[in-house]
Protein backbone atom coordinates (compact mmCIF):
# COMPACT_ATOMS: atom_id res chain seq x y z
CA UNK A 1 12.70 92.90 115.26
CA UNK A 2 11.14 89.47 116.26
CA UNK A 3 12.44 85.85 115.16
CA UNK A 4 9.48 83.18 114.95
CA UNK A 5 9.62 79.71 113.94
CA UNK A 6 6.71 78.68 111.72
CA UNK A 7 5.55 75.24 110.51
CA UNK A 8 3.27 75.33 107.39
CA UNK A 9 0.85 72.16 106.93
CA UNK A 10 -1.52 72.49 103.72
CA UNK A 11 -1.04 71.26 100.30
CA UNK A 12 -0.83 73.00 96.60
CA UNK A 13 -2.06 76.00 97.87
CA UNK A 14 0.55 76.46 100.31
CA UNK A 15 2.94 75.05 98.02
CA UNK A 16 2.27 77.22 95.06
CA UNK A 17 4.82 80.26 94.46
CA UNK A 18 6.54 78.83 97.83
CA UNK A 19 4.41 80.64 100.28
CA UNK A 20 6.31 80.08 103.44
CA UNK A 21 9.45 81.70 101.60
CA UNK A 22 7.44 84.44 100.36
CA UNK A 23 6.15 84.98 104.21
CA UNK A 24 9.98 84.65 105.35
CA UNK A 25 11.41 87.50 102.40
CA UNK A 26 8.17 89.70 103.86
CA UNK A 27 9.53 89.47 107.25
CA UNK A 28 12.91 90.02 106.45
CA UNK A 29 12.24 93.45 104.86
CA UNK A 30 10.87 94.43 107.85
CA UNK A 31 13.67 93.30 109.95
CA UNK A 32 12.03 89.90 111.27
CA UNK A 33 13.38 86.64 110.96
CA UNK A 34 11.30 83.61 110.01
CA UNK A 35 12.62 80.31 110.08
CA UNK A 36 9.94 77.95 108.28
CA UNK A 37 9.31 74.44 107.51
CA UNK A 38 6.40 73.13 104.91
CA UNK A 39 4.77 69.74 104.78
CA UNK A 40 2.36 70.35 101.90
CA UNK A 41 1.67 67.38 99.71
CA UNK A 42 -0.99 68.39 96.81
CA UNK A 43 -4.37 67.61 97.33
CA UNK A 44 -3.93 66.90 101.17
CA UNK A 45 -6.70 67.27 103.76
CA UNK A 46 -6.48 67.92 107.40
CA UNK A 47 -7.87 64.43 107.56
CA UNK A 48 -4.88 63.08 105.56
CA UNK A 49 -2.46 65.46 107.72
CA UNK A 50 -3.78 63.76 111.08
CA UNK A 51 -2.29 60.32 110.17
CA UNK A 52 0.63 61.42 108.05
CA UNK A 53 3.78 60.33 109.22
CA UNK A 54 5.73 63.50 107.67
CA UNK A 55 3.09 66.05 109.26
CA UNK A 56 3.41 64.47 112.80
CA UNK A 57 6.91 64.28 112.66
CA UNK A 58 7.21 68.04 111.74
CA UNK A 59 4.63 68.99 114.70
CA UNK A 60 6.39 66.83 117.19
CA UNK A 61 9.85 68.27 116.63
CA UNK A 62 8.65 70.96 118.94
CA UNK A 63 9.76 74.45 119.41
CA UNK A 64 7.28 76.15 116.75
CA UNK A 65 6.23 79.76 117.27
CA UNK A 66 3.32 79.36 114.85
CA UNK A 67 1.62 76.46 113.00
CA UNK A 68 -0.16 77.42 109.80
CA UNK A 69 -3.15 75.14 109.00
CA UNK A 70 -4.59 75.36 105.42
CA UNK A 71 -7.37 72.53 104.36
CA UNK A 72 -8.11 71.43 101.28
CA UNK A 73 -9.50 73.99 99.03
CA UNK A 74 -13.11 72.54 98.83
CA UNK A 75 -14.11 70.87 101.84
CA UNK A 76 -14.44 73.88 104.07
CA UNK A 77 -17.04 75.45 101.75
CA UNK A 78 -19.50 71.74 101.78
CA UNK A 79 -22.39 72.13 103.88
CA UNK A 80 -22.08 72.75 107.72
CA UNK A 81 -23.16 69.02 108.06
CA UNK A 82 -20.31 67.85 105.82
CA UNK A 83 -17.90 70.23 107.15
CA UNK A 84 -18.74 68.99 110.74
CA UNK A 85 -17.73 65.38 109.85
CA UNK A 86 -15.00 65.71 107.48
CA UNK A 87 -13.12 68.89 108.52
CA UNK A 88 -13.75 69.99 112.23
CA UNK A 89 -12.59 66.81 113.83
CA UNK A 90 -9.48 66.44 112.05
CA UNK A 91 -8.76 70.13 112.73
CA UNK A 92 -8.98 69.60 116.20
CA UNK A 93 -6.96 66.49 116.22
CA UNK A 94 -4.18 68.76 114.54
CA UNK A 95 -4.27 71.70 117.25
CA UNK A 96 -4.27 68.88 119.97
CA UNK A 97 -1.08 67.53 118.31
CA UNK A 98 0.34 70.90 117.93
CA UNK A 99 -0.35 71.76 121.71
CA UNK A 100 0.72 68.45 123.12
CA UNK A 101 4.15 69.03 121.05
CA UNK A 102 4.58 72.77 121.56
CA UNK A 103 2.64 74.22 124.73
CA UNK A 104 3.38 77.81 123.51
CA UNK A 105 2.65 77.33 119.81
CA UNK A 106 0.02 79.50 118.17
CA UNK A 107 -2.28 77.34 115.59
CA UNK A 108 -3.18 79.98 112.53
CA UNK A 109 -5.99 78.55 110.23
CA UNK A 110 -5.22 79.99 107.01
CA UNK A 111 -8.35 80.80 105.12
CA UNK A 112 -8.08 80.22 101.51
CA UNK A 113 -10.14 81.71 98.60
CA UNK A 114 -13.10 80.77 96.33
CA UNK A 115 -12.61 79.36 93.20
CA UNK A 116 -12.97 81.86 90.36
CA UNK A 117 -16.24 80.88 88.94
CA UNK A 118 -17.28 78.75 92.26
CA UNK A 119 -16.96 74.96 92.88
CA UNK A 120 -18.44 73.63 89.86
CA UNK A 121 -17.55 69.95 90.88
CA UNK A 122 -19.90 70.44 93.78
CA UNK A 123 -22.13 72.87 92.74
CA UNK A 124 -25.20 70.35 91.74
CA UNK A 125 -25.18 68.72 95.35
CA UNK A 126 -24.56 72.09 97.17
CA UNK A 127 -25.68 75.43 95.15
CA UNK A 128 -24.12 77.67 97.56
CA UNK A 129 -20.95 76.98 96.09
CA UNK A 130 -21.84 77.37 92.63
CA UNK A 131 -20.40 80.96 92.66
CA UNK A 132 -17.13 82.69 93.90
CA UNK A 133 -19.12 84.59 96.26
CA UNK A 134 -20.99 81.60 97.86
CA UNK A 135 -17.91 79.47 98.10
CA UNK A 136 -16.10 82.27 99.59
CA UNK A 137 -18.75 82.99 102.48
CA UNK A 138 -19.06 79.41 103.19
CA UNK A 139 -15.03 79.19 103.50
CA UNK A 140 -15.19 82.44 105.92
CA UNK A 141 -17.73 80.65 107.80
CA UNK A 142 -15.79 77.34 108.35
CA UNK A 143 -12.40 78.97 109.00
CA UNK A 144 -13.80 81.41 111.53
CA UNK A 145 -15.34 78.51 113.17
CA UNK A 146 -12.58 76.54 113.24
CA UNK A 147 -10.30 79.26 114.70
CA UNK A 148 -13.45 79.64 117.65
CA UNK A 149 -13.61 75.89 118.41
CA UNK A 150 -9.94 75.55 118.95
CA UNK A 151 -9.04 78.95 120.55
CA UNK A 152 -6.79 79.54 117.67
CA UNK A 153 -6.09 82.22 115.28
CA UNK A 154 -7.48 82.88 111.70
CA UNK A 155 -5.36 84.47 108.78
CA UNK A 156 -8.06 85.77 106.81
CA UNK A 157 -6.48 85.43 103.42
CA UNK A 158 -9.64 84.86 101.51
CA UNK A 159 -11.24 88.23 102.99
CA UNK A 160 -8.57 90.14 101.75
CA UNK A 161 -8.88 88.23 98.51
CA UNK A 162 -12.53 88.96 97.92
CA UNK A 163 -11.93 92.73 98.98
CA UNK A 164 -9.11 92.93 96.02
CA UNK A 165 -11.32 90.93 93.65
CA UNK A 166 -14.37 93.54 94.83
CA UNK A 167 -11.98 96.49 93.79
CA UNK A 168 -10.54 94.99 90.62
CA UNK A 169 -12.89 92.78 89.12
CA UNK A 170 -10.53 92.16 85.92
CA UNK A 171 -7.62 91.27 88.32
CA UNK A 172 -6.04 88.13 87.40
CA UNK A 173 -5.45 86.12 90.88
CA UNK A 174 -5.35 82.52 89.79
CA UNK A 175 -3.07 80.44 87.46
CA UNK A 176 -6.13 77.90 86.82
CA UNK A 177 -9.25 79.03 88.21
CA UNK A 178 -8.05 77.49 91.41
CA UNK A 179 -4.44 77.93 92.49
CA UNK A 180 -3.07 81.57 93.26
CA UNK A 181 -0.62 83.24 90.74
CA UNK A 182 1.97 85.32 92.47
CA UNK A 183 -0.41 88.28 93.05
CA UNK A 184 -2.83 85.63 94.95
CA UNK A 185 0.13 84.14 97.07
CA UNK A 186 1.28 87.87 97.91
CA UNK A 187 -2.16 88.16 99.06
CA UNK A 188 -1.67 85.14 101.42
CA UNK A 189 1.65 86.16 102.50
CA UNK A 190 0.87 89.49 103.57
CA UNK A 191 -2.20 88.42 105.49
CA UNK A 192 0.15 85.47 107.13
CA UNK A 193 2.65 88.13 108.09
CA UNK A 194 0.04 90.63 109.56
CA UNK A 195 -1.64 87.53 111.34
CA UNK A 196 1.15 85.95 112.85
CA UNK A 197 3.35 89.28 114.11
CA UNK A 198 0.15 91.57 114.68
CA UNK A 199 1.47 94.39 113.09
CA UNK A 200 1.06 96.29 109.85
CA UNK A 201 3.32 95.07 106.52
CA UNK A 202 2.41 98.21 104.79
CA UNK A 203 5.92 99.40 104.92
CA UNK A 204 7.53 96.23 103.84
CA UNK A 205 10.07 96.51 101.03
CA UNK A 206 9.93 92.90 99.39
CA UNK A 207 8.05 92.64 96.64
CA UNK A 208 7.90 89.28 94.43
CA UNK A 209 9.17 89.34 90.66
CA UNK A 210 6.46 89.86 88.37
CA UNK A 211 4.48 92.40 90.66
CA UNK A 212 4.45 96.09 90.21
CA UNK A 213 5.00 98.22 92.99
CA UNK A 214 1.47 99.88 93.10
CA UNK A 215 -0.21 96.52 93.27
CA UNK A 216 2.11 95.14 96.00
CA UNK A 217 1.58 98.15 97.81
CA UNK A 218 -2.24 98.15 97.66
CA UNK A 219 -2.24 94.47 98.78
CA UNK A 220 -0.13 95.25 101.90
CA UNK A 221 -2.36 98.14 102.84
CA UNK A 222 -5.26 96.02 102.39
CA UNK A 223 -4.22 92.97 104.20
CA UNK A 224 -3.01 94.91 107.32
CA UNK A 225 -6.43 96.49 107.45
CA UNK A 226 -8.35 93.84 107.07
CA UNK A 227 -6.48 91.77 110.04
CA UNK A 228 -5.85 94.59 112.33
CA UNK A 229 -9.35 96.10 112.12
CA UNK A 230 -10.88 92.96 113.00
CA UNK A 231 -8.54 91.22 115.60
CA UNK A 232 -11.50 90.07 117.48
CA UNK A 233 -12.93 88.21 114.61
CA UNK A 234 -9.87 86.39 113.73
CA UNK A 235 -8.17 85.66 117.24
């Protein structure tokens, strides 16, 4: 059994279905204790968080074992040049702040998922995001890069999401083509648990209301395999 204090920094993707509590319940069912706090105003970016007093105060409280960082859903999928300007510097600012206040804390970048039908708002200016697959690939590249540049971890929820979509093309994972439903949040939660504790969550008994046992078991196995089979990629 392990105890871990985890700060979640993000936006409505983290807030949806109370993701921190979902990870906490998952851990509890495996005998682990998770103490969580969340700063996740809707639409917030790393840029916004880097100067947000609530975010900085939470980081500076210290004594965190892990700090989960989730960027605005579209920004990391932009062109490499745009990401280099609008995302990477602020990811580094947040990691630096975390390590100054919490020398032993592990920053964990939560890789998000592509929108159901791609990013139609930005499709015309950057065609790779016109489809789910193209957007997901850019998210993968940017989140792995952030982890590498900051000597941090990546929790690849987007990769698990992609694998689940491939296996179940008709699965419903979104509430509005962007935000996760309970199944989508469970994918993120199982990925985070395995990334934080570095062990499988396949035997966890926690299943959120609205999810059937077989689907939940498949998600836990998929998340565990994705994280643990590629530790070198994500760490």
